[in-house]
Amino acid sequence: MPMDREFILRNQIVERYIAGRLPLRGAQEFERYCGEHPDLIDECGLPERVHAGLRLLEARGIAPPWEEK
């Protein structure tokens, strides 16, 4: 089934993507769809969710993944 907005919302694709619970093909399809429909990124609140996750890591004293340990 092709990925579209309805499919993404109905199947909680954003949540599963962030949690790393999408199979490789599903993650690739979601990334492709977001590349073709960049408005979806803001619409589904992806930037806010990522920032919230980073704040949680910081609160626990865990360095962001891109910083050296």
N, C-alpha and C. Protein backbone atom coordinates (compact mmCIF):
# COMPACT_ATOMS: atom_id res chain seq x y z
N MET A 1 0.84 -1.19 0.00
CA MET A 1 0.00 0.00 0.00
C MET A 1 0.88 1.24 0.00
N PRO A 2 0.64 2.17 -0.93
CA PRO A 2 1.47 3.38 -0.98
C PRO A 2 1.26 4.25 0.26
N MET A 3 2.33 4.92 0.67
CA MET A 3 2.26 5.76 1.85
C MET A 3 1.65 7.11 1.47
N ASP A 4 0.69 7.56 2.27
CA ASP A 4 0.12 8.89 2.12
C ASP A 4 -0.19 9.42 3.51
N ARG A 5 -0.70 10.65 3.60
CA ARG A 5 -0.97 11.26 4.91
C ARG A 5 -1.89 10.39 5.77
N GLU A 6 -2.95 9.90 5.19
CA GLU A 6 -3.91 9.09 5.94
C GLU A 6 -3.24 7.83 6.49
N PHE A 7 -2.46 7.16 5.67
CA PHE A 7 -1.74 5.96 6.09
C PHE A 7 -0.79 6.28 7.23
N ILE A 8 -0.07 7.40 7.11
CA ILE A 8 0.90 7.82 8.13
C ILE A 8 0.19 8.06 9.46
N LEU A 9 -0.92 8.77 9.44
CA LEU A 9 -1.64 9.06 10.67
C LEU A 9 -2.30 7.80 11.25
N ARG A 10 -2.96 7.03 10.41
CA ARG A 10 -3.69 5.84 10.87
C ARG A 10 -2.75 4.81 11.49
N ASN A 11 -1.55 4.68 10.96
CA ASN A 11 -0.62 3.65 11.41
C ASN A 11 0.47 4.18 12.33
N GLN A 12 0.33 5.40 12.81
CA GLN A 12 1.28 6.01 13.74
C GLN A 12 2.72 5.90 13.24
N ILE A 13 2.90 6.22 11.98
CA ILE A 13 4.22 6.09 11.36
C ILE A 13 5.23 7.03 12.00
N VAL A 14 4.84 8.26 12.31
CA VAL A 14 5.77 9.22 12.91
C VAL A 14 6.28 8.68 14.25
N GLU A 15 5.37 8.23 15.09
CA GLU A 15 5.76 7.71 16.40
C GLU A 15 6.67 6.50 16.26
N ARG A 16 6.32 5.61 15.35
CA ARG A 16 7.13 4.40 15.14
C ARG A 16 8.48 4.74 14.54
N TYR A 17 8.54 5.76 13.68
CA TYR A 17 9.80 6.19 13.09
C TYR A 17 10.73 6.74 14.16
N ILE A 18 10.20 7.63 15.01
CA ILE A 18 11.01 8.23 16.07
C ILE A 18 11.52 7.16 17.03
N ALA A 19 10.69 6.20 17.34
CA ALA A 19 11.07 5.13 18.27
C ALA A 19 11.98 4.08 17.64
N GLY A 20 12.19 4.17 16.33
CA GLY A 20 13.04 3.18 15.65
C GLY A 20 12.36 1.84 15.48
N ARG A 21 11.02 1.84 15.45
CA ARG A 21 10.27 0.59 15.34
C ARG A 21 9.70 0.34 13.95
N LEU A 22 10.13 1.12 12.97
CA LEU A 22 9.69 0.87 11.59
C LEU A 22 10.70 -0.04 10.92
N PRO A 23 10.25 -0.98 10.13
CA PRO A 23 11.21 -1.77 9.34
C PRO A 23 11.95 -0.83 8.38
N LEU A 24 13.10 -1.26 7.91
CA LEU A 24 13.93 -0.44 7.04
C LEU A 24 13.14 0.11 5.86
N ARG A 25 12.39 -0.75 5.20
CA ARG A 25 11.63 -0.29 4.03
C ARG A 25 10.60 0.77 4.42
N GLY A 26 9.92 0.60 5.54
CA GLY A 26 8.95 1.58 6.01
C GLY A 26 9.60 2.91 6.32
N ALA A 27 10.77 2.87 6.96
CA ALA A 27 11.50 4.10 7.27
C ALA A 27 11.93 4.81 5.99
N GLN A 28 12.40 4.05 5.02
CA GLN A 28 12.81 4.64 3.74
C GLN A 28 11.62 5.27 3.01
N GLU A 29 10.49 4.59 3.02
CA GLU A 29 9.28 5.13 2.38
C GLU A 29 8.82 6.41 3.08
N PHE A 30 8.86 6.42 4.41
CA PHE A 30 8.47 7.61 5.16
C PHE A 30 9.41 8.77 4.85
N GLU A 31 10.71 8.51 4.81
CA GLU A 31 11.69 9.55 4.49
C GLU A 31 11.47 10.06 3.06
N ARG A 32 11.20 9.16 2.13
CA ARG A 32 10.94 9.57 0.76
C ARG A 32 9.70 10.45 0.69
N TYR A 33 8.64 10.02 1.37
CA TYR A 33 7.39 10.79 1.37
C TYR A 33 7.61 12.18 1.96
N CYS A 34 8.35 12.26 3.06
CA CYS A 34 8.63 13.57 3.67
C CYS A 34 9.46 14.45 2.74
N GLY A 35 10.36 13.84 1.99
CA GLY A 35 11.14 14.60 1.01
C GLY A 35 10.27 15.19 -0.09
N GLU A 36 9.26 14.43 -0.48
CA GLU A 36 8.35 14.89 -1.53
C GLU A 36 7.26 15.81 -0.99
N HIS A 37 6.97 15.73 0.31
CA HIS A 37 5.91 16.53 0.95
C HIS A 37 6.46 17.15 2.24
N PRO A 38 7.40 18.11 2.14
CA PRO A 38 8.05 18.66 3.33
C PRO A 38 7.09 19.34 4.32
N ASP A 39 5.92 19.76 3.84
CA ASP A 39 4.94 20.36 4.74
C ASP A 39 4.46 19.37 5.82
N LEU A 40 4.54 18.08 5.52
CA LEU A 40 4.12 17.07 6.49
C LEU A 40 5.00 17.10 7.74
N ILE A 41 6.26 17.44 7.59
CA ILE A 41 7.19 17.46 8.72
C ILE A 41 6.68 18.40 9.80
N ASP A 42 6.29 19.61 9.41
CA ASP A 42 5.76 20.56 10.39
C ASP A 42 4.35 20.18 10.83
N GLU A 43 3.57 19.70 9.89
CA GLU A 43 2.18 19.34 10.18
C GLU A 43 2.06 18.28 11.26
N CYS A 44 2.97 17.32 11.27
CA CYS A 44 2.90 16.24 12.26
C CYS A 44 3.70 16.55 13.52
N GLY A 45 4.31 17.73 13.58
CA GLY A 45 5.02 18.14 14.79
C GLY A 45 6.36 17.47 14.99
N LEU A 46 6.97 16.99 13.92
CA LEU A 46 8.24 16.28 14.04
C LEU A 46 9.35 17.12 14.68
N PRO A 47 9.53 18.39 14.29
CA PRO A 47 10.59 19.18 14.94
C PRO A 47 10.39 19.33 16.45
N GLU A 48 9.16 19.55 16.88
CA GLU A 48 8.89 19.69 18.31
C GLU A 48 9.18 18.38 19.05
N ARG A 49 8.85 17.26 18.43
CA ARG A 49 9.09 15.96 19.07
C ARG A 49 10.58 15.69 19.20
N VAL A 50 11.33 16.04 18.18
CA VAL A 50 12.79 15.84 18.24
C VAL A 50 13.39 16.72 19.32
N HIS A 51 12.98 17.98 19.37
CA HIS A 51 13.51 18.90 20.39
C HIS A 51 13.15 18.41 21.79
N ALA A 52 11.94 17.91 21.97
CA ALA A 52 11.54 17.39 23.28
C ALA A 52 12.42 16.21 23.68
N GLY A 53 12.70 15.34 22.74
CA GLY A 53 13.57 14.19 23.02
C GLY A 53 14.98 14.63 23.40
N LEU A 54 15.49 15.63 22.72
CA LEU A 54 16.82 16.14 23.04
C LEU A 54 16.85 16.81 24.42
N ARG A 55 15.77 17.51 24.77
CA ARG A 55 15.70 18.12 26.11
C ARG A 55 15.68 17.04 27.19
N LEU A 56 14.99 15.93 26.93
CA LEU A 56 14.98 14.83 27.89
C LEU A 56 16.37 14.23 28.07
N LEU A 57 17.09 14.06 26.97
CA LEU A 57 18.46 13.55 27.07
C LEU A 57 19.33 14.51 27.88
N GLU A 58 19.20 15.79 27.59
CA GLU A 58 19.99 16.80 28.30
C GLU A 58 19.66 16.79 29.80
N ALA A 59 18.39 16.66 30.14
CA ALA A 59 17.97 16.63 31.54
C ALA A 59 18.57 15.43 32.28
N ARG A 60 18.80 14.35 31.56
CA ARG A 60 19.39 13.15 32.17
C ARG A 60 20.91 13.18 32.14
N GLY A 61 21.48 14.26 31.57
CA GLY A 61 22.93 14.38 31.51
C GLY A 61 23.56 13.57 30.39
N ILE A 62 22.76 13.22 29.39
CA ILE A 62 23.24 12.44 28.25
C ILE A 62 23.54 13.41 27.10
N ALA A 63 24.74 13.33 26.56
CA ALA A 63 25.13 14.21 25.46
C ALA A 63 24.35 13.87 24.20
N PRO A 64 24.07 14.88 23.38
CA PRO A 64 23.41 14.60 22.09
C PRO A 64 24.27 13.64 21.25
N PRO A 65 23.66 12.88 20.39
CA PRO A 65 24.38 11.86 19.63
C PRO A 65 25.52 12.39 18.78
N TRP A 66 25.47 13.64 18.38
CA TRP A 66 26.50 14.18 17.50
C TRP A 66 27.70 14.73 18.26
N GLU A 67 27.62 14.82 19.60
CA GLU A 67 28.75 15.29 20.39
C GLU A 67 29.63 14.12 20.80
N GLU A 68 30.91 14.42 21.00
CA GLU A 68 31.82 13.39 21.46
C GLU A 68 31.51 13.04 22.90
N LYS A 69 31.72 11.78 23.25
CA LYS A 69 31.45 11.34 24.63
C LYS A 69 32.61 11.70 25.52
